[in-house]
Amino acid sequence: MILNKDINPEYSLYHVGSHILETLIEMDKKSSFSDLYNSVYSKNKTTVNLFSLALDWLYVIDAIFLDEKGSIRCL
């Protein structure tokens, strides 16, 4: 389901994931879930479900991780 030719590109995990990584870099590479979602949502109106799926995908490919305080961080 990462690539789907039947939906708009802004609803793909690649697109939302790129906005998440871009926002994390702007936020000094760490953020809480709610702060990160609000920042991404202000630029790209995405649902919480799609946002969560994109976070899962980024975690699986080792692009992000959780630190000991529970903040989302990128490498």
PDB file of N, CA and C in Angstrom:
ATOM      1  N   MET A   1       0.816  -1.193   0.000  1.00  0.00           N
ATOM      2  CA  MET A   1       0.000   0.000   0.000  1.00  0.00           C
ATOM      3  C   MET A   1       0.859   1.256   0.000  1.00  0.00           C
ATOM      4  N   ILE A   2       2.161   1.145  -0.024  1.00  0.00           N
ATOM      5  CA  ILE A   2       2.996   2.339  -0.059  1.00  0.00           C
ATOM      6  C   ILE A   2       2.794   3.082  -1.370  1.00  0.00           C
ATOM      7  N   LEU A   3       2.787   2.366  -2.473  1.00  0.00           N
ATOM      8  CA  LEU A   3       2.514   2.980  -3.774  1.00  0.00           C
ATOM      9  C   LEU A   3       1.143   2.527  -4.259  1.00  0.00           C
ATOM     10  N   ASN A   4       0.353   3.490  -4.657  1.00  0.00           N
ATOM     11  CA  ASN A   4      -0.974   3.162  -5.146  1.00  0.00           C
ATOM     12  C   ASN A   4      -1.298   4.123  -6.272  1.00  0.00           C
ATOM     13  N   LYS A   5      -1.547   3.617  -7.435  1.00  0.00           N
ATOM     14  CA  LYS A   5      -1.783   4.463  -8.592  1.00  0.00           C
ATOM     15  C   LYS A   5      -3.181   5.068  -8.604  1.00  0.00           C
ATOM     16  N   ASP A   6      -4.059   4.619  -7.703  1.00  0.00           N
ATOM     17  CA  ASP A   6      -5.437   5.083  -7.702  1.00  0.00           C
ATOM     18  C   ASP A   6      -5.702   6.256  -6.762  1.00  0.00           C
ATOM     19  N   ILE A   7      -4.691   6.733  -6.051  1.00  0.00           N
ATOM     20  CA  ILE A   7      -4.903   7.853  -5.144  1.00  0.00           C
ATOM     21  C   ILE A   7      -3.987   9.012  -5.520  1.00  0.00           C
ATOM     22  N   ASN A   8      -4.308  10.162  -4.975  1.00  0.00           N
ATOM     23  CA  ASN A   8      -3.461  11.329  -5.202  1.00  0.00           C
ATOM     24  C   ASN A   8      -2.135  11.146  -4.489  1.00  0.00           C
ATOM     25  N   PRO A   9      -1.062  11.675  -5.044  1.00  0.00           N
ATOM     26  CA  PRO A   9       0.260  11.502  -4.427  1.00  0.00           C
ATOM     27  C   PRO A   9       0.349  12.064  -3.005  1.00  0.00           C
ATOM     28  N   GLU A  10      -0.408  13.104  -2.699  1.00  0.00           N
ATOM     29  CA  GLU A  10      -0.320  13.687  -1.352  1.00  0.00           C
ATOM     30  C   GLU A  10      -0.872  12.756  -0.267  1.00  0.00           C
ATOM     31  N   TYR A  11      -1.524  11.660  -0.664  1.00  0.00           N
ATOM     32  CA  TYR A  11      -2.021  10.678   0.287  1.00  0.00           C
ATOM     33  C   TYR A  11      -1.139   9.435   0.361  1.00  0.00           C
ATOM     34  N   SER A  12       0.034   9.482  -0.240  1.00  0.00           N
ATOM     35  CA  SER A  12       0.934   8.331  -0.187  1.00  0.00           C
ATOM     36  C   SER A  12       1.850   8.443   1.038  1.00  0.00           C
ATOM     37  N   LEU A  13       2.336   7.311   1.497  1.00  0.00           N
ATOM     38  CA  LEU A  13       3.237   7.310   2.643  1.00  0.00           C
ATOM     39  C   LEU A  13       4.549   8.011   2.328  1.00  0.00           C
ATOM     40  N   TYR A  14       5.001   7.919   1.088  1.00  0.00           N
ATOM     41  CA  TYR A  14       6.233   8.617   0.692  1.00  0.00           C
ATOM     42  C   TYR A  14       6.080  10.121   0.869  1.00  0.00           C
ATOM     43  N   HIS A  15       4.976  10.647   0.411  1.00  0.00           N
ATOM     44  CA  HIS A  15       4.745  12.096   0.467  1.00  0.00           C
ATOM     45  C   HIS A  15       4.624  12.576   1.916  1.00  0.00           C
ATOM     46  N   VAL A  16       3.791  11.907   2.691  1.00  0.00           N
ATOM     47  CA  VAL A  16       3.605  12.297   4.090  1.00  0.00           C
ATOM     48  C   VAL A  16       4.897  12.082   4.873  1.00  0.00           C
ATOM     49  N   GLY A  17       5.588  10.988   4.603  1.00  0.00           N
ATOM     50  CA  GLY A  17       6.867  10.728   5.264  1.00  0.00           C
ATOM     51  C   GLY A  17       7.902  11.797   4.976  1.00  0.00           C
ATOM     52  N   SER A  18       7.912  12.308   3.759  1.00  0.00           N
ATOM     53  CA  SER A  18       8.875  13.369   3.431  1.00  0.00           C
ATOM     54  C   SER A  18       8.558  14.642   4.205  1.00  0.00           C
ATOM     55  N   HIS A  19       7.271  14.927   4.398  1.00  0.00           N
ATOM     56  CA  HIS A  19       6.894  16.101   5.200  1.00  0.00           C
ATOM     57  C   HIS A  19       7.271  15.911   6.667  1.00  0.00           C
ATOM     58  N   ILE A  20       7.129  14.692   7.161  1.00  0.00           N
ATOM     59  CA  ILE A  20       7.516  14.414   8.545  1.00  0.00           C
ATOM     60  C   ILE A  20       9.013  14.623   8.736  1.00  0.00           C
ATOM     61  N   LEU A  21       9.815  14.058   7.842  1.00  0.00           N
ATOM     62  CA  LEU A  21      11.273  14.219   7.960  1.00  0.00           C
ATOM     63  C   LEU A  21      11.687  15.679   7.815  1.00  0.00           C
ATOM     64  N   GLU A  22      11.086  16.375   6.873  1.00  0.00           N
ATOM     65  CA  GLU A  22      11.389  17.790   6.678  1.00  0.00           C
ATOM     66  C   GLU A  22      11.063  18.592   7.942  1.00  0.00           C
ATOM     67  N   THR A  23       9.924  18.305   8.543  1.00  0.00           N
ATOM     68  CA  THR A  23       9.510  19.017   9.750  1.00  0.00           C
ATOM     69  C   THR A  23      10.419  18.677  10.928  1.00  0.00           C
ATOM     70  N   LEU A  24      10.800  17.409  11.060  1.00  0.00           N
ATOM     71  CA  LEU A  24      11.720  17.033  12.137  1.00  0.00           C
ATOM     72  C   LEU A  24      13.058  17.748  12.010  1.00  0.00           C
ATOM     73  N   ILE A  25      13.558  17.881  10.803  1.00  0.00           N
ATOM     74  CA  ILE A  25      14.826  18.585  10.599  1.00  0.00           C
ATOM     75  C   ILE A  25      14.685  20.050  10.989  1.00  0.00           C
ATOM     76  N   GLU A  26      13.548  20.663  10.646  1.00  0.00           N
ATOM     77  CA  GLU A  26      13.301  22.054  11.029  1.00  0.00           C
ATOM     78  C   GLU A  26      13.178  22.215  12.545  1.00  0.00           C
ATOM     79  N   MET A  27      12.725  21.163  13.234  1.00  0.00           N
ATOM     80  CA  MET A  27      12.523  21.204  14.683  1.00  0.00           C
ATOM     81  C   MET A  27      13.740  20.658  15.430  1.00  0.00           C
ATOM     82  N   ASP A  28      14.908  20.780  14.871  1.00  0.00           N
ATOM     83  CA  ASP A  28      16.156  20.293  15.471  1.00  0.00           C
ATOM     84  C   ASP A  28      16.163  18.797  15.712  1.00  0.00           C
ATOM     85  N   LYS A  29      15.538  18.061  14.804  1.00  0.00           N
ATOM     86  CA  LYS A  29      15.581  16.596  14.734  1.00  0.00           C
ATOM     87  C   LYS A  29      14.914  15.864  15.889  1.00  0.00           C
ATOM     88  N   LYS A  30      14.024  16.536  16.659  1.00  0.00           N
ATOM     89  CA  LYS A  30      13.245  15.811  17.658  1.00  0.00           C
ATOM     90  C   LYS A  30      11.954  16.555  17.937  1.00  0.00           C
ATOM     91  N   SER A  31      10.916  15.797  18.313  1.00  0.00           N
ATOM     92  CA  SER A  31       9.621  16.391  18.582  1.00  0.00           C
ATOM     93  C   SER A  31       8.712  15.379  19.253  1.00  0.00           C
ATOM     94  N   SER A  32       7.670  15.878  19.899  1.00  0.00           N
ATOM     95  CA  SER A  32       6.639  14.995  20.434  1.00  0.00           C
ATOM     96  C   SER A  32       5.653  14.670  19.315  1.00  0.00           C
ATOM     97  N   PHE A  33       4.847  13.651  19.517  1.00  0.00           N
ATOM     98  CA  PHE A  33       3.878  13.234  18.498  1.00  0.00           C
ATOM     99  C   PHE A  33       2.928  14.377  18.156  1.00  0.00           C
ATOM    100  N   SER A  34       2.348  15.004  19.167  1.00  0.00           N
ATOM    101  CA  SER A  34       1.340  16.044  18.907  1.00  0.00           C
ATOM    102  C   SER A  34       1.944  17.284  18.255  1.00  0.00           C
ATOM    103  N   ASP A  35       3.114  17.707  18.701  1.00  0.00           N
ATOM    104  CA  ASP A  35       3.762  18.872  18.081  1.00  0.00           C
ATOM    105  C   ASP A  35       4.126  18.583  16.629  1.00  0.00           C
ATOM    106  N   LEU A  36       4.633  17.388  16.393  1.00  0.00           N
ATOM    107  CA  LEU A  36       5.007  17.004  15.037  1.00  0.00           C
ATOM    108  C   LEU A  36       3.778  16.933  14.137  1.00  0.00           C
ATOM    109  N   TYR A  37       2.707  16.331  14.638  1.00  0.00           N
ATOM    110  CA  TYR A  37       1.488  16.242  13.833  1.00  0.00           C
ATOM    111  C   TYR A  37       0.938  17.629  13.515  1.00  0.00           C
ATOM    112  N   ASN A  38       0.887  18.508  14.500  1.00  0.00           N
ATOM    113  CA  ASN A  38       0.368  19.861  14.260  1.00  0.00           C
ATOM    114  C   ASN A  38       1.202  20.608  13.232  1.00  0.00           C
ATOM    115  N   SER A  39       2.507  20.453  13.275  1.00  0.00           N
ATOM    116  CA  SER A  39       3.378  21.119  12.299  1.00  0.00           C
ATOM    117  C   SER A  39       3.183  20.555  10.901  1.00  0.00           C
ATOM    118  N   VAL A  40       3.101  19.237  10.800  1.00  0.00           N
ATOM    119  CA  VAL A  40       2.895  18.610   9.490  1.00  0.00           C
ATOM    120  C   VAL A  40       1.505  18.956   8.958  1.00  0.00           C
ATOM    121  N   TYR A  41       0.511  18.952   9.836  1.00  0.00           N
ATOM    122  CA  TYR A  41      -0.861  19.242   9.421  1.00  0.00           C
ATOM    123  C   TYR A  41      -0.996  20.668   8.895  1.00  0.00           C
ATOM    124  N   SER A  42      -0.265  21.604   9.473  1.00  0.00           N
ATOM    125  CA  SER A  42      -0.356  22.993   9.013  1.00  0.00           C
ATOM    126  C   SER A  42       0.161  23.161   7.582  1.00  0.00           C
ATOM    127  N   LYS A  43       1.062  22.299   7.159  1.00  0.00           N
ATOM    128  CA  LYS A  43       1.612  22.369   5.798  1.00  0.00           C
ATOM    129  C   LYS A  43       0.880  21.444   4.833  1.00  0.00           C
ATOM    130  N   ASN A  44       0.483  20.272   5.329  1.00  0.00           N
ATOM    131  CA  ASN A  44      -0.107  19.236   4.491  1.00  0.00           C
ATOM    132  C   ASN A  44      -1.272  18.627   5.267  1.00  0.00           C
ATOM    133  N   LYS A  45      -2.476  19.005   4.931  1.00  0.00           N
ATOM    134  CA  LYS A  45      -3.674  18.559   5.652  1.00  0.00           C
ATOM    135  C   LYS A  45      -3.820  17.043   5.530  1.00  0.00           C
ATOM    136  N   THR A  46      -3.261  16.330   6.487  1.00  0.00           N
ATOM    137  CA  THR A  46      -3.304  14.872   6.480  1.00  0.00           C
ATOM    138  C   THR A  46      -4.055  14.369   7.705  1.00  0.00           C
ATOM    139  N   THR A  47      -4.591  13.183   7.626  1.00  0.00           N
ATOM    140  CA  THR A  47      -5.308  12.613   8.755  1.00  0.00           C
ATOM    141  C   THR A  47      -4.325  12.029   9.760  1.00  0.00           C
ATOM    142  N   VAL A  48      -4.802  11.843  10.974  1.00  0.00           N
ATOM    143  CA  VAL A  48      -3.969  11.224  12.008  1.00  0.00           C
ATOM    144  C   VAL A  48      -3.632   9.791  11.619  1.00  0.00           C
ATOM    145  N   ASN A  49      -4.577   9.095  10.988  1.00  0.00           N
ATOM    146  CA  ASN A  49      -4.315   7.707  10.568  1.00  0.00           C
ATOM    147  C   ASN A  49      -3.191   7.628   9.551  1.00  0.00           C
ATOM    148  N   LEU A  50      -3.236   8.469   8.539  1.00  0.00           N
ATOM    149  CA  LEU A  50      -2.182   8.468   7.528  1.00  0.00           C
ATOM    150  C   LEU A  50      -0.858   8.914   8.129  1.00  0.00           C
ATOM    151  N   PHE A  51      -0.909   9.902   9.014  1.00  0.00           N
ATOM    152  CA  PHE A  51       0.290  10.370   9.706  1.00  0.00           C
ATOM    153  C   PHE A  51       0.921   9.228  10.511  1.00  0.00           C
ATOM    154  N   SER A  52       0.091   8.476  11.238  1.00  0.00           N
ATOM    155  CA  SER A  52       0.596   7.354  12.038  1.00  0.00           C
ATOM    156  C   SER A  52       1.188   6.251  11.165  1.00  0.00           C
ATOM    157  N   LEU A  53       0.534   5.959  10.046  1.00  0.00           N
ATOM    158  CA  LEU A  53       1.080   4.967   9.122  1.00  0.00           C
ATOM    159  C   LEU A  53       2.433   5.411   8.569  1.00  0.00           C
ATOM    160  N   ALA A  54       2.548   6.690   8.248  1.00  0.00           N
ATOM    161  CA  ALA A  54       3.818   7.208   7.732  1.00  0.00           C
ATOM    162  C   ALA A  54       4.901   7.127   8.810  1.00  0.00           C
ATOM    163  N   LEU A  55       4.551   7.421  10.057  1.00  0.00           N
ATOM    164  CA  LEU A  55       5.519   7.279  11.148  1.00  0.00           C
ATOM    165  C   LEU A  55       5.962   5.830  11.294  1.00  0.00           C
ATOM    166  N   ASP A  56       5.008   4.900  11.214  1.00  0.00           N
ATOM    167  CA  ASP A  56       5.349   3.473  11.286  1.00  0.00           C
ATOM    168  C   ASP A  56       6.311   3.083  10.174  1.00  0.00           C
ATOM    169  N   TRP A  57       6.026   3.545   8.961  1.00  0.00           N
ATOM    170  CA  TRP A  57       6.879   3.228   7.819  1.00  0.00           C
ATOM    171  C   TRP A  57       8.280   3.799   8.017  1.00  0.00           C
ATOM    172  N   LEU A  58       8.368   5.054   8.489  1.00  0.00           N
ATOM    173  CA  LEU A  58       9.678   5.667   8.726  1.00  0.00           C
ATOM    174  C   LEU A  58      10.445   4.924   9.818  1.00  0.00           C
ATOM    175  N   TYR A  59       9.737   4.429  10.819  1.00  0.00           N
ATOM    176  CA  TYR A  59      10.376   3.658  11.883  1.00  0.00           C
ATOM    177  C   TYR A  59      10.910   2.323  11.354  1.00  0.00           C
ATOM    178  N   VAL A  60      10.127   1.674  10.531  1.00  0.00           N
ATOM    179  CA  VAL A  60      10.523   0.377   9.975  1.00  0.00           C
ATOM    180  C   VAL A  60      11.774   0.504   9.112  1.00  0.00           C
ATOM    181  N   ILE A  61      11.901   1.589   8.374  1.00  0.00           N
ATOM    182  CA  ILE A  61      13.076   1.765   7.519  1.00  0.00           C
ATOM    183  C   ILE A  61      14.219   2.479   8.249  1.00  0.00           C
ATOM    184  N   ASP A  62      14.102   2.624   9.567  1.00  0.00           N
ATOM    185  CA  ASP A  62      15.134   3.238  10.424  1.00  0.00           C
ATOM    186  C   ASP A  62      15.434   4.691  10.088  1.00  0.00           C
ATOM    187  N   ALA A  63      14.431   5.427   9.644  1.00  0.00           N
ATOM    188  CA  ALA A  63      14.614   6.862   9.392  1.00  0.00           C
ATOM    189  C   ALA A  63      14.333   7.675  10.651  1.00  0.00           C
ATOM    190  N   ILE A  64      13.509   7.127  11.560  1.00  0.00           N
ATOM    191  CA  ILE A  64      13.207   7.788  12.824  1.00  0.00           C
ATOM    192  C   ILE A  64      13.286   6.758  13.938  1.00  0.00           C
ATOM    193  N   PHE A  65      13.351   7.244  15.181  1.00  0.00           N
ATOM    194  CA  PHE A  65      13.326   6.362  16.339  1.00  0.00           C
ATOM    195  C   PHE A  65      12.799   7.152  17.532  1.00  0.00           C
ATOM    196  N   LEU A  66      12.479   6.453  18.598  1.00  0.00           N
ATOM    197  CA  LEU A  66      12.055   7.085  19.846  1.00  0.00           C
ATOM    198  C   LEU A  66      13.235   7.126  20.794  1.00  0.00           C
ATOM    199  N   ASP A  67      13.470   8.282  21.399  1.00  0.00           N
ATOM    200  CA  ASP A  67      14.546   8.349  22.384  1.00  0.00           C
ATOM    201  C   ASP A  67      14.020   7.907  23.749  1.00  0.00           C
ATOM    202  N   GLU A  68      14.875   7.936  24.763  1.00  0.00           N
ATOM    203  CA  GLU A  68      14.489   7.447  26.085  1.00  0.00           C
ATOM    204  C   GLU A  68      13.386   8.281  26.739  1.00  0.00           C
ATOM    205  N   LYS A  69      13.172   9.510  26.294  1.00  0.00           N
ATOM    206  CA  LYS A  69      12.112  10.368  26.840  1.00  0.00           C
ATOM    207  C   LYS A  69      10.809  10.258  26.043  1.00  0.00           C
ATOM    208  N   GLY A  70      10.802   9.470  24.968  1.00  0.00           N
ATOM    209  CA  GLY A  70       9.611   9.276  24.174  1.00  0.00           C
ATOM    210  C   GLY A  70       9.443  10.266  23.031  1.00  0.00           C
ATOM    211  N   SER A  71      10.463  11.061  22.770  1.00  0.00           N
ATOM    212  CA  SER A  71      10.413  12.005  21.644  1.00  0.00           C
ATOM    213  C   SER A  71      10.753  11.286  20.347  1.00  0.00           C
ATOM    214  N   ILE A  72      10.133  11.735  19.277  1.00  0.00           N
ATOM    215  CA  ILE A  72      10.421  11.200  17.954  1.00  0.00           C
ATOM    216  C   ILE A  72      11.644  11.931  17.423  1.00  0.00           C
ATOM    217  N   ARG A  73      12.630  11.177  16.986  1.00  0.00           N
ATOM    218  CA  ARG A  73      13.877  11.764  16.491  1.00  0.00           C
ATOM    219  C   ARG A  73      14.222  11.190  15.130  1.00  0.00           C
ATOM    220  N   CYS A  74      14.918  11.973  14.331  1.00  0.00           N
ATOM    221  CA  CYS A  74      15.439  11.453  13.070  1.00  0.00           C
ATOM    222  C   CYS A  74      16.949  11.428  13.135  1.00  0.00           C
ATOM    223  N   LEU A  75      17.534  10.625  12.281  1.00  0.00           N
ATOM    224  CA  LEU A  75      18.992  10.452  12.304  1.00  0.00           C
ATOM    225  C   LEU A  75      19.721  11.560  11.641  1.00  0.00           C
TER     226      LEU A  75
END
